[in-house]
Amino acid sequence: MPMPLGKQIFFAGVAASGGGAIVYYLVQKMFSRASYYQLALEQLHSHPEALEALGTPLNVHYLRLTDKYNFVDIADAKLKIPVSGPKSEGHLYVSSSRDAPFKSCMIAALRISFTKLQKFHSQDNTHADAFALSSVRTFSPVLTTGSEEL
């Protein structure tokens, strides 16, 4: 006995949604294991001024795959990595390049743009509101040698 059309459509929709979620997860994993991504996070963790602005522990979130800033090809990579900490949240902008397709990459520029959320209370302490202060900080990456493989 054949399956009714409604059930076929339902199961096809479930399979397509599950497949899409798996592909999204695998693409995120692929980005997070890439050398330019790892180098950028190492640079962020080794920069005391950036850690002071964000606070520790530092949380790294998934990339927005639909963001037009995120671009990767065989020689260059530009990423906008969402990061947050107890003090503020923002994006780590990474620009990276390679001399040849299978050589190690070098971070060309790192910039962090963050929003600091501050809370204040009214005089009667009945309402707590929040406002945001925006700031951009640029820091120089520690350059690695071209012969170093990651």
Protein backbone atom coordinates (compact mmCIF):
# COMPACT_ATOMS: atom_id res chain seq x y z
CA MET A 1 0.00 0.00 0.00
CA PRO A 2 1.55 3.34 -1.02
CA MET A 3 2.13 6.11 1.51
CA PRO A 4 -0.31 9.08 1.30
CA LEU A 5 1.04 12.25 -0.33
CA GLY A 6 0.73 14.29 2.89
CA LYS A 7 3.02 11.91 4.78
CA GLN A 8 5.52 11.91 1.92
CA ILE A 9 5.67 15.70 1.96
CA PHE A 10 6.01 15.75 5.75
CA PHE A 11 8.88 13.23 5.80
CA ALA A 12 10.63 14.98 2.89
CA GLY A 13 10.40 18.28 4.79
CA VAL A 14 11.82 16.73 7.96
CA ALA A 15 14.67 15.14 5.99
CA ALA A 16 15.47 18.40 4.17
CA SER A 17 15.45 20.42 7.43
CA GLY A 18 17.69 17.90 9.17
CA GLY A 19 20.05 17.81 6.20
CA GLY A 20 20.24 21.61 6.14
CA ALA A 21 21.05 21.72 9.86
CA ILE A 22 23.81 19.15 9.43
CA VAL A 23 25.36 21.05 6.51
CA TYR A 24 25.24 24.31 8.52
CA TYR A 25 26.97 22.60 11.47
CA LEU A 26 29.66 21.07 9.23
CA VAL A 27 30.41 24.41 7.53
CA GLN A 28 30.75 26.08 10.95
CA LYS A 29 33.15 23.33 12.06
CA MET A 30 35.16 23.75 8.85
CA PHE A 31 35.57 27.48 9.53
CA SER A 32 36.48 26.98 13.19
CA ARG A 33 39.24 24.50 12.33
CA ALA A 34 40.82 26.66 9.62
CA SER A 35 44.27 28.08 10.34
CA TYR A 36 43.27 31.73 9.78
CA TYR A 37 40.41 31.36 12.27
CA GLN A 38 42.62 29.68 14.88
CA LEU A 39 45.41 32.25 14.42
CA ALA A 40 42.97 35.13 14.88
CA LEU A 41 41.62 33.67 18.11
CA GLU A 42 45.15 33.03 19.40
CA GLN A 43 46.00 36.67 18.68
CA LEU A 44 42.85 37.81 20.49
CA HIS A 45 43.61 35.67 23.54
CA SER A 46 47.19 36.96 23.68
CA HIS A 47 46.20 40.64 23.53
CA PRO A 48 45.61 42.00 27.06
CA GLU A 49 43.87 45.22 25.98
CA ALA A 50 41.26 43.32 23.96
CA LEU A 51 40.68 40.86 26.81
CA GLU A 52 40.32 43.77 29.25
CA ALA A 53 37.68 45.39 27.02
CA LEU A 54 35.66 42.19 26.57
CA GLY A 55 36.30 40.54 29.92
CA THR A 56 37.05 36.90 30.60
CA PRO A 57 35.89 34.21 30.01
CA LEU A 58 35.67 34.94 26.33
CA ASN A 59 32.92 33.31 24.26
CA VAL A 60 33.27 32.79 20.51
CA HIS A 61 30.00 32.41 18.62
CA TYR A 62 29.07 30.95 15.24
CA LEU A 63 29.80 32.97 12.12
CA ARG A 64 26.86 34.43 10.24
CA LEU A 65 27.26 32.57 6.98
CA THR A 66 25.06 35.07 5.13
CA ASP A 67 27.19 38.08 6.15
CA LYS A 68 28.82 39.64 3.08
CA TYR A 69 31.99 40.48 5.04
CA ASN A 70 32.85 36.78 5.47
CA PHE A 71 34.88 35.76 2.42
CA VAL A 72 37.31 32.88 1.97
CA ASP A 73 39.18 31.74 -1.12
CA ILE A 74 42.39 29.79 -1.68
CA ALA A 75 44.73 32.72 -0.91
CA ASP A 76 42.76 35.27 1.15
CA ALA A 77 40.27 35.22 4.00
CA LYS A 78 38.18 37.94 5.62
CA LEU A 79 36.06 37.00 8.60
CA LYS A 80 33.79 38.74 11.07
CA ILE A 81 33.87 36.52 14.17
CA PRO A 82 31.29 37.28 16.89
CA VAL A 83 32.84 37.34 20.37
CA SER A 84 31.49 38.23 23.78
CA GLY A 85 32.58 38.47 27.36
CA PRO A 86 31.07 39.62 30.66
CA LYS A 87 31.91 43.27 29.97
CA SER A 88 31.00 43.64 26.31
CA GLU A 89 30.31 41.92 23.02
CA GLY A 90 31.34 42.58 19.48
CA HIS A 91 33.04 41.30 16.35
CA LEU A 92 36.63 40.38 15.62
CA TYR A 93 37.43 41.42 12.03
CA VAL A 94 40.19 39.29 10.52
CA SER A 95 42.07 39.79 7.29
CA SER A 96 44.44 36.97 6.36
CA SER A 97 46.46 35.94 3.32
CA ARG A 98 48.74 33.16 2.08
CA ASP A 99 51.73 33.30 -0.25
CA ALA A 100 50.75 30.06 -1.95
CA PRO A 101 47.68 27.82 -1.72
CA PHE A 102 49.10 25.26 0.72
CA LYS A 103 51.45 27.49 2.72
CA SER A 104 50.68 28.74 6.21
CA CYS A 105 48.60 31.86 6.45
CA MET A 106 49.57 35.18 8.00
CA ILE A 107 47.17 37.51 9.74
CA ALA A 108 47.39 40.87 7.99
CA ALA A 109 45.02 42.84 10.21
CA LEU A 110 42.90 42.36 13.31
CA ARG A 111 40.29 44.81 14.47
CA ILE A 112 37.70 44.47 17.20
CA SER A 113 34.46 46.40 17.27
CA PHE A 114 32.50 46.03 20.46
CA THR A 115 29.45 47.32 22.26
CA LYS A 116 29.68 47.76 25.99
CA LEU A 117 26.41 47.38 27.80
CA GLN A 118 26.06 49.47 30.92
CA LYS A 119 23.14 49.42 33.32
CA PHE A 120 21.87 52.29 35.38
CA HIS A 121 19.03 52.61 37.84
CA SER A 122 16.52 55.38 38.31
CA GLN A 123 16.55 57.23 41.59
CA ASP A 124 13.70 55.16 43.01
CA ASN A 125 15.42 51.91 41.82
CA THR A 126 12.21 50.70 40.21
CA HIS A 127 13.44 50.75 36.61
CA ALA A 128 16.70 49.43 35.30
CA ASP A 129 17.62 50.44 31.77
CA ALA A 130 20.59 49.65 29.58
CA PHE A 131 22.40 51.66 26.96
CA ALA A 132 25.26 50.81 24.70
CA LEU A 133 28.62 52.46 24.13
CA SER A 134 30.32 51.53 20.89
CA SER A 135 34.05 51.46 20.32
CA VAL A 136 36.50 50.15 17.75
CA ARG A 137 40.01 49.01 18.61
CA THR A 138 42.69 47.94 16.19
CA PHE A 139 45.65 45.92 17.34
CA SER A 140 48.64 44.65 15.46
CA PRO A 141 48.97 40.91 15.13
CA VAL A 142 52.14 39.13 16.07
CA LEU A 143 53.48 38.05 12.71
CA THR A 144 54.46 34.45 12.26
CA THR A 145 57.16 33.26 9.91
CA GLY A 146 56.13 31.92 6.53
CA SER A 147 57.88 28.59 7.10
CA GLU A 148 55.80 27.80 10.17
CA GLU A 149 53.10 25.25 9.42
CA LEU A 150 49.90 25.21 11.41
